[in-house]
Amino acid sequence: MYVLFTEMVILILALLICMWLPCSALDYHDVASVNARCQRICDQWDLLGTLTTQRRTALDVSSQTYHFLSLTYKVEVLEYIYM
């Protein structure tokens, strides 16, 4: 868990650096590769956001299904007991 958090912090810092400190303004000789890396980082964050949304949706559906089944099962058990 700590490793994942650390990697996320590093990605955030890299993204912020890429956004606020463009290499072209510093006359850096390898601007293209740095910009490409920044774009890959942004793409990874977009993918992470998409995957997080998909996971949240799947968890919500699973939770609703569990809730429905647990209520249904309890009702069936109660009907059986009181018959």
Protein backbone atom coordinates (compact mmCIF):
# COMPACT_ATOMS: atom_id res chain seq x y z
CA MET A 1 0.00 0.00 0.00
CA TYR A 2 2.82 2.38 0.90
CA VAL A 3 4.63 1.67 -2.39
CA LEU A 4 1.51 2.48 -4.42
CA PHE A 5 1.05 5.73 -2.48
CA THR A 6 4.70 6.67 -3.04
CA GLU A 7 4.42 6.00 -6.77
CA MET A 8 1.29 8.14 -6.95
CA VAL A 9 3.06 11.01 -5.18
CA ILE A 10 5.96 10.77 -7.62
CA LEU A 11 3.58 10.82 -10.58
CA ILE A 12 1.76 13.84 -9.17
CA LEU A 13 5.00 15.72 -8.66
CA ALA A 14 6.18 14.87 -12.17
CA LEU A 15 2.87 16.03 -13.61
CA LEU A 16 3.03 19.31 -11.71
CA ILE A 17 6.59 19.93 -12.83
CA CYS A 18 5.63 19.25 -16.44
CA MET A 19 2.70 21.63 -16.24
CA TRP A 20 4.38 24.53 -14.47
CA LEU A 21 7.91 24.37 -15.77
CA PRO A 22 7.91 23.83 -19.52
CA CYS A 23 11.30 22.75 -20.79
CA SER A 24 11.06 24.92 -23.86
CA ALA A 25 11.14 27.97 -21.59
CA LEU A 26 14.43 26.73 -20.13
CA ASP A 27 16.06 26.15 -23.54
CA TYR A 28 16.58 22.50 -22.67
CA HIS A 29 18.13 20.56 -25.55
CA ASP A 30 15.92 17.44 -25.22
CA VAL A 31 12.51 19.06 -24.94
CA ALA A 32 10.77 16.50 -27.15
CA SER A 33 11.61 13.49 -24.99
CA VAL A 34 10.65 15.30 -21.79
CA ASN A 35 7.35 16.41 -23.29
CA ALA A 36 6.70 12.86 -24.48
CA ARG A 37 7.35 11.51 -21.00
CA CYS A 38 5.04 14.12 -19.49
CA GLN A 39 2.35 13.12 -21.98
CA ARG A 40 2.77 9.44 -20.98
CA ILE A 41 2.37 10.42 -17.33
CA CYS A 42 -0.80 12.36 -18.12
CA ASP A 43 -2.10 9.39 -20.11
CA GLN A 44 -1.38 7.10 -17.14
CA TRP A 45 -3.33 9.41 -14.84
CA ASP A 46 -6.24 9.41 -17.29
CA LEU A 47 -6.16 5.61 -17.37
CA LEU A 48 -5.99 5.46 -13.57
CA GLY A 49 -9.04 7.71 -13.36
CA THR A 50 -10.94 5.55 -15.84
CA LEU A 51 -10.03 2.33 -14.03
CA THR A 52 -10.96 3.86 -10.67
CA THR A 53 -14.37 4.87 -12.01
CA GLN A 54 -14.94 1.39 -13.46
CA ARG A 55 -13.91 -0.23 -10.18
CA ARG A 56 -16.21 2.05 -8.17
CA THR A 57 -19.11 1.22 -10.49
CA ALA A 58 -18.43 -2.52 -10.21
CA LEU A 59 -18.27 -2.25 -6.41
CA ASP A 60 -21.57 -0.37 -6.33
CA VAL A 61 -23.25 -2.99 -8.50
CA SER A 62 -21.83 -5.80 -6.36
CA SER A 63 -22.99 -4.07 -3.20
CA GLN A 64 -26.50 -3.57 -4.55
CA THR A 65 -26.66 -7.19 -5.69
CA TYR A 66 -25.49 -8.40 -2.29
CA HIS A 67 -28.03 -6.19 -0.55
CA PHE A 68 -30.84 -7.44 -2.80
CA LEU A 69 -29.87 -11.08 -2.27
CA SER A 70 -29.49 -10.69 1.48
CA LEU A 71 -32.94 -9.10 1.75
CA THR A 72 -34.47 -11.75 -0.50
CA TYR A 73 -32.86 -14.55 1.48
CA LYS A 74 -34.02 -13.11 4.81
CA VAL A 75 -37.58 -12.76 3.50
CA GLU A 76 -37.57 -16.36 2.24
CA VAL A 77 -36.23 -17.61 5.57
CA LEU A 78 -38.85 -15.66 7.50
CA GLU A 79 -41.63 -16.97 5.25
CA TYR A 80 -40.44 -20.50 5.82
CA ILE A 81 -40.25 -20.04 9.59
CA TYR A 82 -43.74 -18.56 9.90
CA MET A 83 -45.46 -21.13 7.64
